[in-house]
Amino acid sequence: MKLGKWGLFLGGVLFGTAGIKILASKDAKKAYTHATAAVLRAKDCVMEVATNVKENCGDIYNDAKQINDGRIADEEECVIEDEADTVDTK
């Protein structure tokens, strides 16, 4: 049983060493560079969309404030101030 464990360990070391060589190869670095460039392009696209959404939300918020301010002004015009009747008790 002990030999089987050593065999698995040595196989893992060999596989890991070969994996490192493959990951550090020129072709792998080229693939990493292209993948990173694609991620950066996607980030720019997402940020552009997020900026547009943020601007639209700001416009909606300002329009809503104007609507509410207009309603408040209309309600204030409709309020009729009651004058209390004064009774002379003289």
PDB file of N, CA and C in Angstrom:
ATOM      1  N   MET A   1       0.817  -1.189   0.000  1.00  0.00           N
ATOM      2  CA  MET A   1       0.000   0.000   0.000  1.00  0.00           C
ATOM      3  C   MET A   1       0.862   1.255   0.000  1.00  0.00           C
ATOM      4  N   LYS A   2       1.988   1.215   0.695  1.00  0.00           N
ATOM      5  CA  LYS A   2       2.839   2.381   0.791  1.00  0.00           C
ATOM      6  C   LYS A   2       3.411   2.753  -0.566  1.00  0.00           C
ATOM      7  N   LEU A   3       3.693   1.780  -1.401  1.00  0.00           N
ATOM      8  CA  LEU A   3       4.226   2.061  -2.728  1.00  0.00           C
ATOM      9  C   LEU A   3       3.196   2.760  -3.601  1.00  0.00           C
ATOM     10  N   GLY A   4       1.951   2.416  -3.458  1.00  0.00           N
ATOM     11  CA  GLY A   4       0.874   3.054  -4.221  1.00  0.00           C
ATOM     12  C   GLY A   4       0.752   4.532  -3.881  1.00  0.00           C
ATOM     13  N   LYS A   5       0.910   4.852  -2.600  1.00  0.00           N
ATOM     14  CA  LYS A   5       0.837   6.255  -2.183  1.00  0.00           C
ATOM     15  C   LYS A   5       2.010   7.043  -2.744  1.00  0.00           C
ATOM     16  N   TRP A   6       3.203   6.433  -2.719  1.00  0.00           N
ATOM     17  CA  TRP A   6       4.386   7.113  -3.279  1.00  0.00           C
ATOM     18  C   TRP A   6       4.231   7.295  -4.789  1.00  0.00           C
ATOM     19  N   GLY A   7       3.641   6.319  -5.433  1.00  0.00           N
ATOM     20  CA  GLY A   7       3.418   6.407  -6.876  1.00  0.00           C
ATOM     21  C   GLY A   7       2.460   7.546  -7.214  1.00  0.00           C
ATOM     22  N   LEU A   8       1.395   7.674  -6.435  1.00  0.00           N
ATOM     23  CA  LEU A   8       0.450   8.764  -6.645  1.00  0.00           C
ATOM     24  C   LEU A   8       1.113  10.120  -6.397  1.00  0.00           C
ATOM     25  N   PHE A   9       1.935  10.178  -5.356  1.00  0.00           N
ATOM     26  CA  PHE A   9       2.638  11.422  -5.048  1.00  0.00           C
ATOM     27  C   PHE A   9       3.578  11.809  -6.192  1.00  0.00           C
ATOM     28  N   LEU A  10       4.381  10.879  -6.664  1.00  0.00           N
ATOM     29  CA  LEU A  10       5.324  11.167  -7.755  1.00  0.00           C
ATOM     30  C   LEU A  10       4.575  11.511  -9.048  1.00  0.00           C
ATOM     31  N   GLY A  11       3.468  10.828  -9.292  1.00  0.00           N
ATOM     32  CA  GLY A  11       2.662  11.145 -10.470  1.00  0.00           C
ATOM     33  C   GLY A  11       2.109  12.568 -10.384  1.00  0.00           C
ATOM     34  N   GLY A  12       1.669  12.967  -9.190  1.00  0.00           N
ATOM     35  CA  GLY A  12       1.167  14.327  -8.994  1.00  0.00           C
ATOM     36  C   GLY A  12       2.250  15.371  -9.196  1.00  0.00           C
ATOM     37  N   VAL A  13       3.450  15.072  -8.702  1.00  0.00           N
ATOM     38  CA  VAL A  13       4.564  16.000  -8.884  1.00  0.00           C
ATOM     39  C   VAL A  13       4.900  16.149 -10.362  1.00  0.00           C
ATOM     40  N   LEU A  14       4.972  15.045 -11.076  1.00  0.00           N
ATOM     41  CA  LEU A  14       5.263  15.099 -12.515  1.00  0.00           C
ATOM     42  C   LEU A  14       4.174  15.848 -13.276  1.00  0.00           C
ATOM     43  N   PHE A  15       2.928  15.556 -12.941  1.00  0.00           N
ATOM     44  CA  PHE A  15       1.811  16.234 -13.609  1.00  0.00           C
ATOM     45  C   PHE A  15       1.834  17.732 -13.300  1.00  0.00           C
ATOM     46  N   GLY A  16       2.129  18.079 -12.049  1.00  0.00           N
ATOM     47  CA  GLY A  16       2.201  19.488 -11.671  1.00  0.00           C
ATOM     48  C   GLY A  16       3.327  20.203 -12.382  1.00  0.00           C
ATOM     49  N   THR A  17       4.483  19.558 -12.494  1.00  0.00           N
ATOM     50  CA  THR A  17       5.624  20.158 -13.191  1.00  0.00           C
ATOM     51  C   THR A  17       5.303  20.362 -14.665  1.00  0.00           C
ATOM     52  N   ALA A  18       4.694  19.384 -15.295  1.00  0.00           N
ATOM     53  CA  ALA A  18       4.312  19.516 -16.695  1.00  0.00           C
ATOM     54  C   ALA A  18       3.257  20.603 -16.854  1.00  0.00           C
ATOM     55  N   GLY A  19       2.320  20.694 -15.904  1.00  0.00           N
ATOM     56  CA  GLY A  19       1.276  21.721 -15.961  1.00  0.00           C
ATOM     57  C   GLY A  19       1.852  23.114 -15.877  1.00  0.00           C
ATOM     58  N   ILE A  20       2.860  23.280 -14.994  1.00  0.00           N
ATOM     59  CA  ILE A  20       3.500  24.593 -14.870  1.00  0.00           C
ATOM     60  C   ILE A  20       4.199  24.968 -16.167  1.00  0.00           C
ATOM     61  N   LYS A  21       4.874  24.001 -16.785  1.00  0.00           N
ATOM     62  CA  LYS A  21       5.555  24.271 -18.062  1.00  0.00           C
ATOM     63  C   LYS A  21       4.540  24.675 -19.135  1.00  0.00           C
ATOM     64  N   ILE A  22       3.414  24.003 -19.158  1.00  0.00           N
ATOM     65  CA  ILE A  22       2.380  24.316 -20.156  1.00  0.00           C
ATOM     66  C   ILE A  22       1.788  25.697 -19.891  1.00  0.00           C
ATOM     67  N   LEU A  23       1.486  25.991 -18.618  1.00  0.00           N
ATOM     68  CA  LEU A  23       0.885  27.282 -18.280  1.00  0.00           C
ATOM     69  C   LEU A  23       1.838  28.449 -18.514  1.00  0.00           C
ATOM     70  N   ALA A  24       3.133  28.196 -18.448  1.00  0.00           N
ATOM     71  CA  ALA A  24       4.122  29.259 -18.640  1.00  0.00           C
ATOM     72  C   ALA A  24       4.598  29.354 -20.084  1.00  0.00           C
ATOM     73  N   SER A  25       4.013  28.580 -20.971  1.00  0.00           N
ATOM     74  CA  SER A  25       4.462  28.593 -22.369  1.00  0.00           C
ATOM     75  C   SER A  25       4.046  29.885 -23.075  1.00  0.00           C
ATOM     76  N   LYS A  26       4.692  30.122 -24.195  1.00  0.00           N
ATOM     77  CA  LYS A  26       4.431  31.331 -24.980  1.00  0.00           C
ATOM     78  C   LYS A  26       2.983  31.370 -25.482  1.00  0.00           C
ATOM     79  N   ASP A  27       2.476  30.217 -25.924  1.00  0.00           N
ATOM     80  CA  ASP A  27       1.098  30.154 -26.425  1.00  0.00           C
ATOM     81  C   ASP A  27       0.087  30.425 -25.313  1.00  0.00           C
ATOM     82  N   ALA A  28       0.376  29.904 -24.127  1.00  0.00           N
ATOM     83  CA  ALA A  28      -0.530  30.131 -22.999  1.00  0.00           C
ATOM     84  C   ALA A  28      -0.546  31.607 -22.631  1.00  0.00           C
ATOM     85  N   LYS A  29       0.599  32.235 -22.617  1.00  0.00           N
ATOM     86  CA  LYS A  29       0.657  33.668 -22.289  1.00  0.00           C
ATOM     87  C   LYS A  29      -0.114  34.483 -23.315  1.00  0.00           C
ATOM     88  N   LYS A  30      -0.040  34.072 -24.569  1.00  0.00           N
ATOM     89  CA  LYS A  30      -0.782  34.772 -25.627  1.00  0.00           C
ATOM     90  C   LYS A  30      -2.291  34.625 -25.383  1.00  0.00           C
ATOM     91  N   ALA A  31      -2.712  33.430 -24.993  1.00  0.00           N
ATOM     92  CA  ALA A  31      -4.136  33.200 -24.705  1.00  0.00           C
ATOM     93  C   ALA A  31      -4.576  34.034 -23.501  1.00  0.00           C
ATOM     94  N   TYR A  32      -3.731  34.112 -22.463  1.00  0.00           N
ATOM     95  CA  TYR A  32      -4.058  34.928 -21.288  1.00  0.00           C
ATOM     96  C   TYR A  32      -4.197  36.396 -21.676  1.00  0.00           C
ATOM     97  N   THR A  33      -3.313  36.859 -22.541  1.00  0.00           N
ATOM     98  CA  THR A  33      -3.349  38.256 -22.972  1.00  0.00           C
ATOM     99  C   THR A  33      -4.636  38.558 -23.724  1.00  0.00           C
ATOM    100  N   HIS A  34      -5.034  37.651 -24.621  1.00  0.00           N
ATOM    101  CA  HIS A  34      -6.273  37.858 -25.378  1.00  0.00           C
ATOM    102  C   HIS A  34      -7.494  37.808 -24.457  1.00  0.00           C
ATOM    103  N   ALA A  35      -7.473  36.896 -23.502  1.00  0.00           N
ATOM    104  CA  ALA A  35      -8.598  36.809 -22.560  1.00  0.00           C
ATOM    105  C   ALA A  35      -8.694  38.079 -21.713  1.00  0.00           C
ATOM    106  N   THR A  36      -7.548  38.589 -21.271  1.00  0.00           N
ATOM    107  CA  THR A  36      -7.547  39.814 -20.476  1.00  0.00           C
ATOM    108  C   THR A  36      -8.042  40.995 -21.290  1.00  0.00           C
ATOM    109  N   ALA A  37      -7.645  41.068 -22.556  1.00  0.00           N
ATOM    110  CA  ALA A  37      -8.111  42.150 -23.432  1.00  0.00           C
ATOM    111  C   ALA A  37      -9.627  42.078 -23.611  1.00  0.00           C
ATOM    112  N   ALA A  38     -10.159  40.878 -23.749  1.00  0.00           N
ATOM    113  CA  ALA A  38     -11.609  40.722 -23.895  1.00  0.00           C
ATOM    114  C   ALA A  38     -12.333  41.169 -22.629  1.00  0.00           C
ATOM    115  N   VAL A  39     -11.776  40.854 -21.474  1.00  0.00           N
ATOM    116  CA  VAL A  39     -12.385  41.268 -20.212  1.00  0.00           C
ATOM    117  C   VAL A  39     -12.380  42.787 -20.093  1.00  0.00           C
ATOM    118  N   LEU A  40     -11.288  43.416 -20.502  1.00  0.00           N
ATOM    119  CA  LEU A  40     -11.215  44.886 -20.438  1.00  0.00           C
ATOM    120  C   LEU A  40     -12.231  45.531 -21.375  1.00  0.00           C
ATOM    121  N   ARG A  41     -12.421  44.945 -22.562  1.00  0.00           N
ATOM    122  CA  ARG A  41     -13.435  45.482 -23.483  1.00  0.00           C
ATOM    123  C   ARG A  41     -14.832  45.333 -22.886  1.00  0.00           C
ATOM    124  N   ALA A  42     -15.090  44.193 -22.257  1.00  0.00           N
ATOM    125  CA  ALA A  42     -16.400  43.967 -21.640  1.00  0.00           C
ATOM    126  C   ALA A  42     -16.611  44.955 -20.493  1.00  0.00           C
ATOM    127  N   LYS A  43     -15.570  45.218 -19.725  1.00  0.00           N
ATOM    128  CA  LYS A  43     -15.664  46.170 -18.617  1.00  0.00           C
ATOM    129  C   LYS A  43     -16.035  47.553 -19.138  1.00  0.00           C
ATOM    130  N   ASP A  44     -15.393  47.982 -20.235  1.00  0.00           N
ATOM    131  CA  ASP A  44     -15.716  49.290 -20.807  1.00  0.00           C
ATOM    132  C   ASP A  44     -17.171  49.361 -21.248  1.00  0.00           C
ATOM    133  N   CYS A  45     -17.658  48.296 -21.839  1.00  0.00           N
ATOM    134  CA  CYS A  45     -19.055  48.253 -22.289  1.00  0.00           C
ATOM    135  C   CYS A  45     -19.998  48.325 -21.095  1.00  0.00           C
ATOM    136  N   VAL A  46     -19.719  47.567 -20.056  1.00  0.00           N
ATOM    137  CA  VAL A  46     -20.568  47.563 -18.860  1.00  0.00           C
ATOM    138  C   VAL A  46     -20.563  48.941 -18.205  1.00  0.00           C
ATOM    139  N   MET A  47     -19.399  49.569 -18.125  1.00  0.00           N
ATOM    140  CA  MET A  47     -19.316  50.893 -17.504  1.00  0.00           C
ATOM    141  C   MET A  47     -20.098  51.929 -18.316  1.00  0.00           C
ATOM    142  N   GLU A  48     -20.091  51.811 -19.624  1.00  0.00           N
ATOM    143  CA  GLU A  48     -20.855  52.739 -20.475  1.00  0.00           C
ATOM    144  C   GLU A  48     -22.352  52.582 -20.219  1.00  0.00           C
ATOM    145  N   VAL A  49     -22.808  51.343 -20.136  1.00  0.00           N
ATOM    146  CA  VAL A  49     -24.226  51.088 -19.870  1.00  0.00           C
ATOM    147  C   VAL A  49     -24.593  51.595 -18.474  1.00  0.00           C
ATOM    148  N   ALA A  50     -23.734  51.345 -17.498  1.00  0.00           N
ATOM    149  CA  ALA A  50     -24.006  51.796 -16.133  1.00  0.00           C
ATOM    150  C   ALA A  50     -24.091  53.320 -16.073  1.00  0.00           C
ATOM    151  N   THR A  51     -23.232  54.013 -16.815  1.00  0.00           N
ATOM    152  CA  THR A  51     -23.268  55.473 -16.841  1.00  0.00           C
ATOM    153  C   THR A  51     -24.574  55.967 -17.448  1.00  0.00           C
ATOM    154  N   ASN A  52     -25.017  55.334 -18.526  1.00  0.00           N
ATOM    155  CA  ASN A  52     -26.287  55.719 -19.153  1.00  0.00           C
ATOM    156  C   ASN A  52     -27.460  55.507 -18.201  1.00  0.00           C
ATOM    157  N   VAL A  53     -27.463  54.378 -17.503  1.00  0.00           N
ATOM    158  CA  VAL A  53     -28.540  54.096 -16.553  1.00  0.00           C
ATOM    159  C   VAL A  53     -28.531  55.133 -15.434  1.00  0.00           C
ATOM    160  N   LYS A  54     -27.350  55.460 -14.937  1.00  0.00           N
ATOM    161  CA  LYS A  54     -27.233  56.449 -13.858  1.00  0.00           C
ATOM    162  C   LYS A  54     -27.754  57.809 -14.303  1.00  0.00           C
ATOM    163  N   GLU A  55     -27.406  58.215 -15.520  1.00  0.00           N
ATOM    164  CA  GLU A  55     -27.890  59.503 -16.038  1.00  0.00           C
ATOM    165  C   GLU A  55     -29.408  59.495 -16.174  1.00  0.00           C
ATOM    166  N   ASN A  56     -29.963  58.398 -16.679  1.00  0.00           N
ATOM    167  CA  ASN A  56     -31.411  58.299 -16.819  1.00  0.00           C
ATOM    168  C   ASN A  56     -32.103  58.339 -15.465  1.00  0.00           C
ATOM    169  N   CYS A  57     -31.536  57.683 -14.470  1.00  0.00           N
ATOM    170  CA  CYS A  57     -32.122  57.721 -13.127  1.00  0.00           C
ATOM    171  C   CYS A  57     -32.100  59.139 -12.566  1.00  0.00           C
ATOM    172  N   GLY A  58     -31.033  59.873 -12.824  1.00  0.00           N
ATOM    173  CA  GLY A  58     -30.961  61.261 -12.376  1.00  0.00           C
ATOM    174  C   GLY A  58     -32.038  62.111 -13.024  1.00  0.00           C
ATOM    175  N   ASP A  59     -32.253  61.903 -14.328  1.00  0.00           N
ATOM    176  CA  ASP A  59     -33.301  62.648 -15.034  1.00  0.00           C
ATOM    177  C   ASP A  59     -34.681  62.319 -14.466  1.00  0.00           C
ATOM    178  N   ILE A  60     -34.927  61.045 -14.230  1.00  0.00           N
ATOM    179  CA  ILE A  60     -36.226  60.627 -13.689  1.00  0.00           C
ATOM    180  C   ILE A  60     -36.440  61.234 -12.310  1.00  0.00           C
ATOM    181  N   TYR A  61     -35.406  61.226 -11.486  1.00  0.00           N
ATOM    182  CA  TYR A  61     -35.505  61.785 -10.134  1.00  0.00           C
ATOM    183  C   TYR A  61     -35.831  63.277 -10.189  1.00  0.00           C
ATOM    184  N   ASN A  62     -35.129  64.021 -11.059  1.00  0.00           N
ATOM    185  CA  ASN A  62     -35.387  65.458 -11.164  1.00  0.00           C
ATOM    186  C   ASN A  62     -36.788  65.745 -11.681  1.00  0.00           C
ATOM    187  N   ASP A  63     -37.245  64.960 -12.665  1.00  0.00           N
ATOM    188  CA  ASP A  63     -38.607  65.144 -13.171  1.00  0.00           C
ATOM    189  C   ASP A  63     -39.641  64.865 -12.080  1.00  0.00           C
ATOM    190  N   ALA A  64     -39.400  63.829 -11.282  1.00  0.00           N
ATOM    191  CA  ALA A  64     -40.336  63.499 -10.207  1.00  0.00           C
ATOM    192  C   ALA A  64     -40.377  64.616  -9.171  1.00  0.00           C
ATOM    193  N   LYS A  65     -39.228  65.198  -8.854  1.00  0.00           N
ATOM    194  CA  LYS A  65     -39.210  66.309  -7.907  1.00  0.00           C
ATOM    195  C   LYS A  65     -40.006  67.492  -8.453  1.00  0.00           C
ATOM    196  N   GLN A  66     -39.872  67.777  -9.739  1.00  0.00           N
ATOM    197  CA  GLN A  66     -40.623  68.885 -10.343  1.00  0.00           C
ATOM    198  C   GLN A  66     -42.116  68.615 -10.286  1.00  0.00           C
ATOM    199  N   ILE A  67     -42.514  67.388 -10.546  1.00  0.00           N
ATOM    200  CA  ILE A  67     -43.938  67.036 -10.488  1.00  0.00           C
ATOM    201  C   ILE A  67     -44.468  67.254  -9.075  1.00  0.00           C
ATOM    202  N   ASN A  68     -43.721  66.780  -8.088  1.00  0.00           N
ATOM    203  CA  ASN A  68     -44.166  66.940  -6.699  1.00  0.00           C
ATOM    204  C   ASN A  68     -44.192  68.409  -6.283  1.00  0.00           C
ATOM    205  N   ASP A  69     -43.205  69.183  -6.689  1.00  0.00           N
ATOM    206  CA  ASP A  69     -43.205  70.608  -6.381  1.00  0.00           C
ATOM    207  C   ASP A  69     -44.406  71.299  -7.009  1.00  0.00           C
ATOM    208  N   GLY A  70     -44.756  70.913  -8.236  1.00  0.00           N
ATOM    209  CA  GLY A  70     -45.930  71.473  -8.902  1.00  0.00           C
ATOM    210  C   GLY A  70     -47.219  71.110  -8.188  1.00  0.00           C
ATOM    211  N   ARG A  71     -47.311  69.871  -7.714  1.00  0.00           N
ATOM    212  CA  ARG A  71     -48.513  69.447  -6.987  1.00  0.00           C
ATOM    213  C   ARG A  71     -48.648  70.203  -5.672  1.00  0.00           C
ATOM    214  N   ILE A  72     -47.517  70.412  -5.004  1.00  0.00           N
ATOM    215  CA  ILE A  72     -47.558  71.151  -3.742  1.00  0.00           C
ATOM    216  C   ILE A  72     -48.012  72.590  -3.991  1.00  0.00           C
ATOM    217  N   ALA A  73     -47.508  73.196  -5.065  1.00  0.00           N
ATOM    218  CA  ALA A  73     -47.905  74.572  -5.391  1.00  0.00           C
ATOM    219  C   ALA A  73     -49.392  74.629  -5.728  1.00  0.00           C
ATOM    220  N   ASP A  74     -49.894  73.631  -6.476  1.00  0.00           N
ATOM    221  CA  ASP A  74     -51.319  73.596  -6.818  1.00  0.00           C
ATOM    222  C   ASP A  74     -52.178  73.436  -5.564  1.00  0.00           C
ATOM    223  N   GLU A  75     -51.739  72.586  -4.641  1.00  0.00           N
ATOM    224  CA  GLU A  75     -52.505  72.380  -3.412  1.00  0.00           C
ATOM    225  C   GLU A  75     -52.521  73.645  -2.561  1.00  0.00           C
ATOM    226  N   GLU A  76     -51.424  74.362  -2.547  1.00  0.00           N
ATOM    227  CA  GLU A  76     -51.377  75.598  -1.761  1.00  0.00           C
ATOM    228  C   GLU A  76     -52.312  76.650  -2.349  1.00  0.00           C
ATOM    229  N   GLU A  77     -52.481  76.666  -3.662  1.00  0.00           N
ATOM    230  CA  GLU A  77     -53.401  77.611  -4.298  1.00  0.00           C
ATOM    231  C   GLU A  77     -54.845  77.259  -3.965  1.00  0.00           C
ATOM    232  N   CYS A  78     -55.108  75.975  -3.784  1.00  0.00           N
ATOM    233  CA  CYS A  78     -56.481  75.534  -3.523  1.00  0.00           C
ATOM    234  C   CYS A  78     -56.894  75.739  -2.070  1.00  0.00           C
ATOM    235  N   VAL A  79     -55.949  75.889  -1.203  1.00  0.00           N
ATOM    236  CA  VAL A  79     -56.285  76.057   0.208  1.00  0.00           C
ATOM    237  C   VAL A  79     -56.924  77.429   0.395  1.00  0.00           C
ATOM    238  N   ILE A  80     -58.077  77.423   1.002  1.00  0.00           N
ATOM    239  CA  ILE A  80     -58.785  78.677   1.264  1.00  0.00           C
ATOM    240  C   ILE A  80     -58.611  78.979   2.741  1.00  0.00           C
ATOM    241  N   GLU A  81     -58.057  80.090   2.957  1.00  0.00           N
ATOM    242  CA  GLU A  81     -57.853  80.466   4.352  1.00  0.00           C
ATOM    243  C   GLU A  81     -59.179  80.973   4.913  1.00  0.00           C
ATOM    244  N   ASP A  82     -59.593  80.379   5.984  1.00  0.00           N
ATOM    245  CA  ASP A  82     -60.813  80.800   6.645  1.00  0.00           C
ATOM    246  C   ASP A  82     -60.501  81.940   7.593  1.00  0.00           C
ATOM    247  N   GLU A  83     -61.303  82.945   7.462  1.00  0.00           N
ATOM    248  CA  GLU A  83     -61.141  84.049   8.400  1.00  0.00           C
ATOM    249  C   GLU A  83     -62.168  83.840   9.509  1.00  0.00           C
ATOM    250  N   ALA A  84     -61.669  83.899  10.698  1.00  0.00           N
ATOM    251  CA  ALA A  84     -62.591  83.704  11.840  1.00  0.00           C
ATOM    252  C   ALA A  84     -63.465  84.949  11.969  1.00  0.00           C
ATOM    253  N   ASP A  85     -64.738  84.687  12.202  1.00  0.00           N
ATOM    254  CA  ASP A  85     -65.661  85.804  12.436  1.00  0.00           C
ATOM    255  C   ASP A  85     -65.358  86.393  13.795  1.00  0.00           C
ATOM    256  N   THR A  86     -65.180  87.614  13.804  1.00  0.00           N
ATOM    257  CA  THR A  86     -64.949  88.266  15.107  1.00  0.00           C
ATOM    258  C   THR A  86     -66.256  88.818  15.618  1.00  0.00           C
ATOM    259  N   VAL A  87     -66.508  88.563  16.809  1.00  0.00           N
ATOM    260  CA  VAL A  87     -67.757  89.000  17.430  1.00  0.00           C
ATOM    261  C   VAL A  87     -67.394  90.059  18.449  1.00  0.00           C
ATOM    262  N   ASP A  88     -68.035  91.197  18.228  1.00  0.00           N
ATOM    263  CA  ASP A  88     -67.831  92.265  19.209  1.00  0.00           C
ATOM    264  C   ASP A  88     -68.757  92.014  20.387  1.00  0.00           C
ATOM    265  N   THR A  89     -68.165  91.941  21.517  1.00  0.00           N
ATOM    266  CA  THR A  89     -68.963  91.704  22.724  1.00  0.00           C
ATOM    267  C   THR A  89     -69.151  92.966  23.536  1.00  0.00           C
ATOM    268  N   LYS A  90     -69.008  94.084  22.928  1.00  0.00           N
ATOM    269  CA  LYS A  90     -69.161  95.345  23.606  1.00  0.00           C
ATOM    270  C   LYS A  90     -70.571  95.707  23.809  1.00  0.00           C
TER     271      LYS A  90
END
